[in-house]
C-alpha atoms as a PDB file:
ATOM      1  CA  MET A   1     -39.689 -16.275 -99.469  1.00  0.00           C
ATOM      2  CA  GLY A   2     -40.157 -20.098 -99.979  1.00  0.00           C
ATOM      3  CA  VAL A   3     -41.751 -21.607 -96.739  1.00  0.00           C
ATOM      4  CA  LEU A   4     -38.609 -23.146 -95.390  1.00  0.00           C
ATOM      5  CA  ASP A   5     -36.704 -19.727 -95.759  1.00  0.00           C
ATOM      6  CA  SER A   6     -39.435 -18.257 -93.391  1.00  0.00           C
ATOM      7  CA  PHE A   7     -37.896 -20.231 -90.382  1.00  0.00           C
ATOM      8  CA  ARG A   8     -34.290 -18.705 -91.093  1.00  0.00           C
ATOM      9  CA  LEU A   9     -33.058 -16.585 -88.527  1.00  0.00           C
ATOM     10  CA  ASN A  10     -29.925 -15.616 -89.921  1.00  0.00           C
ATOM     11  CA  GLY A  11     -28.697 -11.824 -89.004  1.00  0.00           C
ATOM     12  CA  ARG A  12     -30.731 -12.026 -85.825  1.00  0.00           C
ATOM     13  CA  THR A  13     -29.680 -12.205 -82.261  1.00  0.00           C
ATOM     14  CA  ALA A  14     -31.448 -14.218 -79.579  1.00  0.00           C
ATOM     15  CA  MET A  15     -30.865 -13.964 -75.872  1.00  0.00           C
ATOM     16  CA  VAL A  16     -31.726 -17.204 -74.155  1.00  0.00           C
ATOM     17  CA  THR A  17     -32.042 -17.365 -70.407  1.00  0.00           C
ATOM     18  CA  GLY A  18     -31.016 -20.494 -68.601  1.00  0.00           C
ATOM     19  CA  GLY A  19     -29.550 -21.237 -72.251  1.00  0.00           C
ATOM     20  CA  SER A  20     -26.589 -23.351 -71.031  1.00  0.00           C
ATOM     21  CA  ARG A  21     -28.283 -26.654 -70.088  1.00  0.00           C
ATOM     22  CA  GLY A  22     -31.464 -28.613 -70.285  1.00  0.00           C
ATOM     23  CA  LEU A  23     -34.629 -27.363 -72.566  1.00  0.00           C
ATOM     24  CA  GLY A  24     -32.785 -23.800 -72.672  1.00  0.00           C
ATOM     25  CA  ARG A  25     -29.873 -25.292 -74.034  1.00  0.00           C
ATOM     26  CA  ALA A  26     -31.826 -27.350 -76.580  1.00  0.00           C
ATOM     27  CA  MET A  27     -33.900 -24.440 -77.836  1.00  0.00           C
ATOM     28  CA  ALA A  28     -30.926 -22.339 -78.217  1.00  0.00           C
ATOM     29  CA  GLY A  29     -29.273 -24.820 -80.047  1.00  0.00           C
ATOM     30  CA  ALA A  30     -32.295 -25.083 -82.514  1.00  0.00           C
ATOM     31  CA  LEU A  31     -32.258 -21.194 -82.660  1.00  0.00           C
ATOM     32  CA  ALA A  32     -28.472 -21.164 -83.819  1.00  0.00           C
ATOM     33  CA  GLU A  33     -29.137 -23.918 -86.355  1.00  0.00           C
ATOM     34  CA  ALA A  34     -31.759 -21.850 -87.997  1.00  0.00           C
ATOM     35  CA  GLY A  35     -28.800 -18.928 -88.214  1.00  0.00           C
ATOM     36  CA  ALA A  36     -29.361 -16.768 -85.222  1.00  0.00           C
ATOM     37  CA  ASP A  37     -26.422 -15.414 -83.086  1.00  0.00           C
ATOM     38  CA  LEU A  38     -26.909 -16.098 -79.785  1.00  0.00           C
ATOM     39  CA  ILE A  39     -26.524 -14.540 -76.157  1.00  0.00           C
ATOM     40  CA  LEU A  40     -26.952 -17.433 -73.254  1.00  0.00           C
ATOM     41  CA  VAL A  41     -27.501 -16.410 -69.716  1.00  0.00           C
ATOM     42  CA  GLY A  42     -26.982 -18.588 -66.978  1.00  0.00           C
ATOM     43  CA  ARG A  43     -25.437 -18.878 -63.315  1.00  0.00           C
ATOM     44  CA  GLU A  44     -22.679 -21.098 -63.855  1.00  0.00           C
ATOM     45  CA  GLN A  45     -19.818 -19.717 -65.999  1.00  0.00           C
ATOM     46  CA  ALA A  46     -18.104 -23.138 -66.539  1.00  0.00           C
ATOM     47  CA  GLN A  47     -21.161 -24.575 -68.156  1.00  0.00           C
ATOM     48  CA  LEU A  48     -22.028 -21.562 -70.210  1.00  0.00           C
ATOM     49  CA  LEU A  49     -18.411 -21.916 -71.601  1.00  0.00           C
ATOM     50  CA  VAL A  50     -19.017 -25.510 -72.493  1.00  0.00           C
ATOM     51  CA  THR A  51     -22.179 -24.942 -74.092  1.00  0.00           C
ATOM     52  CA  GLN A  52     -20.644 -21.593 -76.144  1.00  0.00           C
ATOM     53  CA  ARG A  53     -17.882 -23.857 -77.344  1.00  0.00           C
ATOM     54  CA  GLU A  54     -20.307 -26.383 -78.569  1.00  0.00           C
ATOM     55  CA  LEU A  55     -22.387 -23.859 -80.241  1.00  0.00           C
ATOM     56  CA  LEU A  56     -19.871 -21.797 -81.690  1.00  0.00           C
ATOM     57  CA  ARG A  57     -19.253 -25.041 -83.857  1.00  0.00           C
ATOM     58  CA  LEU A  58     -22.156 -23.989 -85.964  1.00  0.00           C
ATOM     59  CA  GLY A  59     -20.675 -20.819 -87.055  1.00  0.00           C
ATOM     60  CA  ASN A  60     -22.608 -18.222 -85.479  1.00  0.00           C
ATOM     61  CA  THR A  61     -21.589 -15.833 -82.764  1.00  0.00           C
ATOM     62  CA  VAL A  62     -22.159 -16.912 -79.000  1.00  0.00           C
ATOM     63  CA  GLU A  63     -21.879 -14.565 -76.229  1.00  0.00           C
ATOM     64  CA  ILE A  64     -22.200 -15.557 -72.576  1.00  0.00           C
ATOM     65  CA  VAL A  65     -23.490 -13.563 -69.542  1.00  0.00           C
ATOM     66  CA  VAL A  66     -23.041 -14.950 -65.982  1.00  0.00           C
ATOM     67  CA  ALA A  67     -26.105 -14.075 -64.039  1.00  0.00           C
ATOM     68  CA  ASP A  68     -28.893 -15.408 -62.033  1.00  0.00           C
ATOM     69  CA  VAL A  69     -32.135 -13.952 -63.389  1.00  0.00           C
ATOM     70  CA  ALA A  70     -34.086 -15.459 -60.697  1.00  0.00           C
ATOM     71  CA  THR A  71     -34.328 -12.051 -58.998  1.00  0.00           C
ATOM     72  CA  PRO A  72     -35.579  -8.986 -60.373  1.00  0.00           C
ATOM     73  CA  ASP A  73     -32.170  -7.211 -60.050  1.00  0.00           C
ATOM     74  CA  GLY A  74     -30.364 -10.254 -61.188  1.00  0.00           C
ATOM     75  CA  ALA A  75     -32.675 -10.146 -64.428  1.00  0.00           C
ATOM     76  CA  ALA A  76     -32.061  -6.355 -64.808  1.00  0.00           C
ATOM     77  CA  ASN A  77     -28.326  -6.558 -64.473  1.00  0.00           C
ATOM     78  CA  ALA A  78     -28.508  -9.871 -67.099  1.00  0.00           C
ATOM     79  CA  CYS A  79     -30.390  -7.748 -69.696  1.00  0.00           C
ATOM     80  CA  ASP A  80     -27.935  -4.523 -68.953  1.00  0.00           C
ATOM     81  CA  GLU A  81     -24.979  -6.625 -69.490  1.00  0.00           C
ATOM     82  CA  ALA A  82     -26.396  -8.495 -72.787  1.00  0.00           C
ATOM     83  CA  LEU A  83     -27.363  -5.041 -74.459  1.00  0.00           C
ATOM     84  CA  ALA A  84     -23.859  -3.500 -73.640  1.00  0.00           C
ATOM     85  CA  LEU A  85     -22.639  -5.788 -75.945  1.00  0.00           C
ATOM     86  CA  GLY A  86     -23.613  -3.559 -78.379  1.00  0.00           C
ATOM     87  CA  GLN A  87     -26.054  -6.060 -80.855  1.00  0.00           C
ATOM     88  CA  PRO A  88     -29.685  -5.499 -81.298  1.00  0.00           C
ATOM     89  CA  ILE A  89     -31.563  -8.255 -79.554  1.00  0.00           C
ATOM     90  CA  ASP A  90     -34.219  -9.316 -82.020  1.00  0.00           C
ATOM     91  CA  ILE A  91     -35.486 -12.320 -80.140  1.00  0.00           C
ATOM     92  CA  LEU A  92     -35.833 -13.115 -76.221  1.00  0.00           C
ATOM     93  CA  LEU A  93     -36.624 -16.662 -74.700  1.00  0.00           C
ATOM     94  CA  ASN A  94     -37.513 -16.467 -71.364  1.00  0.00           C
ATOM     95  CA  ASN A  95     -36.582 -20.057 -70.361  1.00  0.00           C
ATOM     96  CA  VAL A  96     -35.621 -19.473 -66.323  1.00  0.00           C
ATOM     97  CA  GLY A  97     -37.963 -21.104 -63.869  1.00  0.00           C
ATOM     98  CA  GLY A  98     -38.634 -24.131 -61.721  1.00  0.00           C
ATOM     99  CA  ARG A  99     -40.622 -25.477 -58.948  1.00  0.00           C
ATOM    100  CA  ARG A 100     -37.535 -25.843 -56.545  1.00  0.00           C
ATOM    101  CA  GLU A 101     -39.428 -27.154 -53.714  1.00  0.00           C
ATOM    102  CA  ASP A 102     -42.264 -29.659 -53.292  1.00  0.00           C
ATOM    103  CA  VAL A 103     -43.808 -27.695 -50.179  1.00  0.00           C
ATOM    104  CA  ALA A 104     -47.367 -27.618 -49.211  1.00  0.00           C
ATOM    105  CA  THR A 105     -48.877 -24.277 -49.986  1.00  0.00           C
ATOM    106  CA  GLU A 106     -50.286 -23.922 -46.523  1.00  0.00           C
ATOM    107  CA  ASN A 107     -46.713 -24.147 -45.387  1.00  0.00           C
ATOM    108  CA  VAL A 108     -44.874 -21.527 -47.636  1.00  0.00           C
ATOM    109  CA  THR A 109     -43.830 -18.249 -46.119  1.00  0.00           C
ATOM    110  CA  VAL A 110     -44.974 -15.149 -47.633  1.00  0.00           C
ATOM    111  CA  GLU A 111     -41.237 -14.488 -48.531  1.00  0.00           C
ATOM    112  CA  GLN A 112     -40.880 -18.047 -50.015  1.00  0.00           C
ATOM    113  CA  TRP A 113     -43.987 -17.409 -51.892  1.00  0.00           C
ATOM    114  CA  ALA A 114     -42.647 -14.111 -53.529  1.00  0.00           C
ATOM    115  CA  GLY A 115     -39.179 -15.290 -54.124  1.00  0.00           C
ATOM    116  CA  TYR A 116     -40.958 -18.301 -56.206  1.00  0.00           C
ATOM    117  CA  LEU A 117     -42.814 -15.740 -58.146  1.00  0.00           C
ATOM    118  CA  ASP A 118     -39.582 -13.643 -58.826  1.00  0.00           C
ATOM    119  CA  LEU A 119     -37.887 -16.673 -60.056  1.00  0.00           C
ATOM    120  CA  ASN A 120     -41.230 -17.821 -62.595  1.00  0.00           C
ATOM    121  CA  LEU A 121     -43.055 -14.595 -63.232  1.00  0.00           C
ATOM    122  CA  THR A 122     -41.185 -11.355 -62.235  1.00  0.00           C
ATOM    123  CA  SER A 123     -37.792 -12.153 -63.939  1.00  0.00           C
ATOM    124  CA  ALA A 124     -39.297 -12.648 -67.193  1.00  0.00           C
ATOM    125  CA  LEU A 125     -41.311  -9.431 -67.104  1.00  0.00           C
ATOM    126  CA  VAL A 126     -38.065  -7.557 -66.266  1.00  0.00           C
ATOM    127  CA  CYS A 127     -36.530  -9.145 -69.207  1.00  0.00           C
ATOM    128  CA  CYS A 128     -39.624  -8.194 -71.274  1.00  0.00           C
ATOM    129  CA  GLN A 129     -39.594  -4.560 -70.112  1.00  0.00           C
ATOM    130  CA  LYS A 130     -35.812  -4.344 -70.631  1.00  0.00           C
ATOM    131  CA  LEU A 131     -35.294  -5.798 -74.199  1.00  0.00           C
ATOM    132  CA  GLY A 132     -38.982  -5.155 -75.167  1.00  0.00           C
ATOM    133  CA  LYS A 133     -38.471  -1.156 -75.450  1.00  0.00           C
ATOM    134  CA  PRO A 134     -35.644  -1.549 -77.760  1.00  0.00           C
ATOM    135  CA  MET A 135     -37.637  -4.076 -80.043  1.00  0.00           C
ATOM    136  CA  LEU A 136     -40.570  -1.486 -79.725  1.00  0.00           C
ATOM    137  CA  ASP A 137     -38.237   1.439 -80.734  1.00  0.00           C
ATOM    138  CA  ARG A 138     -37.143  -0.644 -83.786  1.00  0.00           C
ATOM    139  CA  GLY A 139     -40.676  -1.933 -84.719  1.00  0.00           C
ATOM    140  CA  ARG A 140     -39.761  -5.522 -84.721  1.00  0.00           C
ATOM    141  CA  GLY A 141     -38.889  -8.370 -82.382  1.00  0.00           C
ATOM    142  CA  SER A 142     -40.300 -11.602 -80.991  1.00  0.00           C
ATOM    143  CA  ILE A 143     -40.633 -12.658 -77.310  1.00  0.00           C
ATOM    144  CA  VAL A 144     -41.056 -16.180 -76.301  1.00  0.00           C
ATOM    145  CA  ASN A 145     -42.087 -17.005 -72.623  1.00  0.00           C
ATOM    146  CA  ILE A 146     -41.826 -20.841 -71.443  1.00  0.00           C
ATOM    147  CA  THR A 147     -44.856 -21.374 -69.398  1.00  0.00           C
ATOM    148  CA  SER A 148     -45.919 -24.893 -68.488  1.00  0.00           C
ATOM    149  CA  ILE A 149     -48.637 -27.296 -68.763  1.00  0.00           C
ATOM    150  CA  ALA A 150     -48.864 -26.604 -65.099  1.00  0.00           C
ATOM    151  CA  GLY A 151     -50.518 -23.161 -65.614  1.00  0.00           C
ATOM    152  CA  PRO A 152     -53.979 -24.096 -66.729  1.00  0.00           C
ATOM    153  CA  ILE A 153     -54.074 -27.278 -64.588  1.00  0.00           C
ATOM    154  CA  ALA A 154     -52.419 -28.366 -61.364  1.00  0.00           C
ATOM    155  CA  ILE A 155     -50.320 -31.383 -61.505  1.00  0.00           C
ATOM    156  CA  ARG A 156     -51.698 -34.091 -59.323  1.00  0.00           C
ATOM    157  CA  GLY A 157     -49.534 -35.141 -56.214  1.00  0.00           C
ATOM    158  CA  ILE A 158     -47.388 -32.317 -56.126  1.00  0.00           C
ATOM    159  CA  GLY A 159     -46.888 -29.370 -53.710  1.00  0.00           C
ATOM    160  CA  GLY A 160     -45.488 -26.043 -54.364  1.00  0.00           C
ATOM    161  CA  ARG A 161     -48.390 -24.631 -56.065  1.00  0.00           C
ATOM    162  CA  HIS A 162     -46.735 -21.344 -56.452  1.00  0.00           C
ATOM    163  CA  TYR A 163     -45.421 -22.959 -59.818  1.00  0.00           C
ATOM    164  CA  GLU A 164     -48.981 -23.329 -61.292  1.00  0.00           C
ATOM    165  CA  THR A 165     -49.696 -19.720 -59.916  1.00  0.00           C
ATOM    166  CA  ALA A 166     -46.813 -18.191 -61.424  1.00  0.00           C
ATOM    167  CA  LYS A 167     -46.981 -20.016 -64.766  1.00  0.00           C
ATOM    168  CA  ALA A 168     -50.639 -19.108 -65.155  1.00  0.00           C
ATOM    169  CA  ALA A 169     -49.610 -15.560 -64.561  1.00  0.00           C
ATOM    170  CA  LEU A 170     -46.882 -15.776 -67.282  1.00  0.00           C
ATOM    171  CA  ALA A 171     -49.228 -16.856 -69.636  1.00  0.00           C
ATOM    172  CA  ALA A 172     -51.585 -13.881 -68.819  1.00  0.00           C
ATOM    173  CA  LEU A 173     -48.634 -11.390 -69.226  1.00  0.00           C
ATOM    174  CA  THR A 174     -47.895 -13.017 -72.530  1.00  0.00           C
ATOM    175  CA  ARG A 175     -51.302 -12.387 -73.756  1.00  0.00           C
ATOM    176  CA  SER A 176     -51.467  -9.031 -72.227  1.00  0.00           C
ATOM    177  CA  LEU A 177     -48.006  -7.818 -73.711  1.00  0.00           C
ATOM    178  CA  ALA A 178     -49.115  -9.371 -77.022  1.00  0.00           C
ATOM    179  CA  ALA A 179     -52.436  -7.202 -76.945  1.00  0.00           C
ATOM    180  CA  ASP A 180     -50.352  -4.215 -76.152  1.00  0.00           C
ATOM    181  CA  TRP A 181     -47.529  -4.650 -78.553  1.00  0.00           C
ATOM    182  CA  ALA A 182     -49.078  -6.244 -81.502  1.00  0.00           C
ATOM    183  CA  GLY A 183     -49.498  -2.948 -83.516  1.00  0.00           C
ATOM    184  CA  ARG A 184     -45.829  -2.144 -82.789  1.00  0.00           C
ATOM    185  CA  GLY A 185     -44.230  -4.741 -84.568  1.00  0.00           C
ATOM    186  CA  VAL A 186     -43.463  -7.150 -81.393  1.00  0.00           C
ATOM    187  CA  ARG A 187     -44.881 -10.238 -81.148  1.00  0.00           C
ATOM    188  CA  VAL A 188     -45.192 -12.130 -77.677  1.00  0.00           C
ATOM    189  CA  ASN A 189     -45.826 -15.824 -77.467  1.00  0.00           C
ATOM    190  CA  ALA A 190     -45.257 -18.736 -75.215  1.00  0.00           C
ATOM    191  CA  ILE A 191     -44.623 -22.439 -75.011  1.00  0.00           C
ATOM    192  CA  ALA A 192     -46.287 -24.834 -72.385  1.00  0.00           C
ATOM    193  CA  PRO A 193     -43.974 -27.876 -72.326  1.00  0.00           C
ATOM    194  CA  GLY A 194     -44.984 -30.949 -70.779  1.00  0.00           C
ATOM    195  CA  VAL A 195     -42.862 -33.605 -68.774  1.00  0.00           C
ATOM    196  CA  PHE A 196     -39.434 -33.790 -70.440  1.00  0.00           C
ATOM    197  CA  ALA A 197     -36.388 -36.089 -69.818  1.00  0.00           C
ATOM    198  CA  THR A 198     -34.352 -33.502 -68.533  1.00  0.00           C
ATOM    199  CA  GLY A 199     -31.561 -34.180 -65.994  1.00  0.00           C
ATOM    200  CA  PRO A 200     -33.562 -32.731 -63.068  1.00  0.00           C
ATOM    201  CA  ASN A 201     -36.607 -34.618 -63.957  1.00  0.00           C
ATOM    202  CA  GLN A 202     -34.503 -37.782 -64.455  1.00  0.00           C
ATOM    203  CA  LYS A 203     -32.899 -37.222 -60.920  1.00  0.00           C
ATOM    204  CA  TRP A 204     -36.490 -36.252 -59.415  1.00  0.00           C
ATOM    205  CA  PHE A 205     -37.916 -39.566 -60.783  1.00  0.00           C
ATOM    206  CA  ALA A 206     -35.166 -41.857 -59.519  1.00  0.00           C
ATOM    207  CA  GLU A 207     -35.838 -40.546 -56.120  1.00  0.00           C
ATOM    208  CA  LYS A 208     -39.642 -41.113 -56.620  1.00  0.00           C
ATOM    209  CA  PRO A 209     -40.194 -43.934 -59.144  1.00  0.00           C
ATOM    210  CA  GLU A 210     -44.020 -43.753 -58.463  1.00  0.00           C
ATOM    211  CA  PHE A 211     -44.301 -40.509 -59.729  1.00  0.00           C
ATOM    212  CA  GLU A 212     -42.473 -41.326 -63.004  1.00  0.00           C
ATOM    213  CA  GLN A 213     -45.053 -44.142 -63.632  1.00  0.00           C
ATOM    214  CA  SER A 214     -47.966 -41.847 -62.447  1.00  0.00           C
ATOM    215  CA  PHE A 215     -46.864 -39.090 -65.212  1.00  0.00           C
ATOM    216  CA  LEU A 216     -45.902 -41.411 -67.922  1.00  0.00           C
ATOM    217  CA  GLY A 217     -49.450 -43.140 -67.484  1.00  0.00           C
ATOM    218  CA  HIS A 218     -51.232 -39.844 -67.913  1.00  0.00           C
ATOM    219  CA  VAL A 219     -49.275 -38.986 -71.502  1.00  0.00           C
ATOM    220  CA  PRO A 220     -51.132 -40.290 -74.436  1.00  0.00           C
ATOM    221  CA  MET A 221     -48.148 -40.909 -76.519  1.00  0.00           C
ATOM    222  CA  GLU A 222     -46.763 -43.157 -73.791  1.00  0.00           C
ATOM    223  CA  ARG A 223     -43.280 -41.542 -73.383  1.00  0.00           C
ATOM    224  CA  PHE A 224     -41.628 -38.335 -72.227  1.00  0.00           C
ATOM    225  CA  GLY A 225     -40.559 -35.512 -74.443  1.00  0.00           C
ATOM    226  CA  GLU A 226     -36.816 -35.257 -75.633  1.00  0.00           C
ATOM    227  CA  PRO A 227     -35.438 -31.735 -75.330  1.00  0.00           C
ATOM    228  CA  SER A 228     -34.692 -31.518 -78.853  1.00  0.00           C
ATOM    229  CA  GLU A 229     -38.673 -31.822 -79.687  1.00  0.00           C
ATOM    230  CA  LEU A 230     -38.933 -28.469 -77.803  1.00  0.00           C
ATOM    231  CA  GLY A 231     -36.477 -26.649 -80.291  1.00  0.00           C
ATOM    232  CA  PRO A 232     -38.278 -26.364 -83.857  1.00  0.00           C
ATOM    233  CA  ALA A 233     -41.175 -25.012 -81.200  1.00  0.00           C
ATOM    234  CA  ALA A 234     -38.903 -22.215 -80.250  1.00  0.00           C
ATOM    235  CA  VAL A 235     -37.671 -21.498 -84.114  1.00  0.00           C
ATOM    236  CA  PHE A 236     -41.233 -21.512 -85.087  1.00  0.00           C
ATOM    237  CA  LEU A 237     -42.324 -18.559 -82.552  1.00  0.00           C
ATOM    238  CA  ALA A 238     -38.980 -16.728 -83.015  1.00  0.00           C
ATOM    239  CA  SER A 239     -39.120 -16.572 -86.822  1.00  0.00           C
ATOM    240  CA  ASP A 240     -41.217 -15.154 -89.536  1.00  0.00           C
ATOM    241  CA  ALA A 241     -42.960 -18.432 -89.895  1.00  0.00           C
ATOM    242  CA  SER A 242     -45.108 -17.250 -87.040  1.00  0.00           C
ATOM    243  CA  SER A 243     -45.332 -13.658 -88.743  1.00  0.00           C
ATOM    244  CA  TYR A 244     -49.226 -13.604 -87.692  1.00  0.00           C
ATOM    245  CA  VAL A 245     -48.993 -15.362 -84.419  1.00  0.00           C
ATOM    246  CA  THR A 246     -49.002 -13.294 -81.226  1.00  0.00           C
ATOM    247  CA  GLY A 247     -50.458 -13.828 -77.819  1.00  0.00           C
ATOM    248  CA  ALA A 248     -50.468 -17.962 -78.523  1.00  0.00           C
ATOM    249  CA  THR A 249     -49.440 -20.364 -76.198  1.00  0.00           C
ATOM    250  CA  LEU A 250     -47.969 -23.631 -77.974  1.00  0.00           C
ATOM    251  CA  VAL A 251     -48.391 -26.884 -75.727  1.00  0.00           C
ATOM    252  CA  VAL A 252     -45.907 -29.354 -76.325  1.00  0.00           C
ATOM    253  CA  ASP A 253     -46.704 -32.302 -74.083  1.00  0.00           C
ATOM    254  CA  GLY A 254     -47.315 -35.397 -75.716  1.00  0.00           C
ATOM    255  CA  GLY A 255     -51.146 -34.829 -75.072  1.00  0.00           C
ATOM    256  CA  PHE A 256     -50.990 -34.794 -71.435  1.00  0.00           C
ATOM    257  CA  THR A 257     -53.506 -32.028 -71.198  1.00  0.00           C
ATOM    258  CA  LEU A 258     -55.781 -34.055 -73.411  1.00  0.00           C
ATOM    259  CA  TRP A 259     -57.388 -35.610 -70.199  1.00  0.00           C
END
């Protein structure tokens, strides 16, 4: 096998949560370009159908599952529906998450805190359990969890520290599962994105321009990432190109965490 051939995903199926837009859409598109068939999970059927039509042009199979994986039950139902499609799922990309609210930690209720942890951590755990077991039975699989640079550091000037807490825990879960499953053929890795020019971020910066300049001034490459720049990292970790990589977190942040 040549070097470039090791990045190919032909004959494999990838499930991408939050795969209809933003970073999830970019990574799903990259996996499809590498040859993977897709199962896209999202809350909005209309947007899923738009993305499905776009990605079908690449010649792959693209299935959709309408589900909200922000809760453990929702994540379990989404996985059950994906598995019911009948095709083995070789790649899981846990992309769903978000800060959602900029709220001071001292004001967060226990119920809110638990809900945020479900969104950013527990939903990924459930998907790892549901899809990881069949992977273990087959002795092959790759799981990629989307953490954040907000896992190892606290982002200045923002509330909602539930996000940092959950993303740090997701990185620890990634390492733990990697250790447990390494000898059974299933690799578990993570990508920690920095600040990307996604729709929600652009909207947020439009509302708080002072934060945009603050973030931009902290990026050594002096620009925000484009969603398309995350796709190659997902292909690398999903494919045989990273066959000797497990438990790793690949930071894609333009150097934000260098200082």
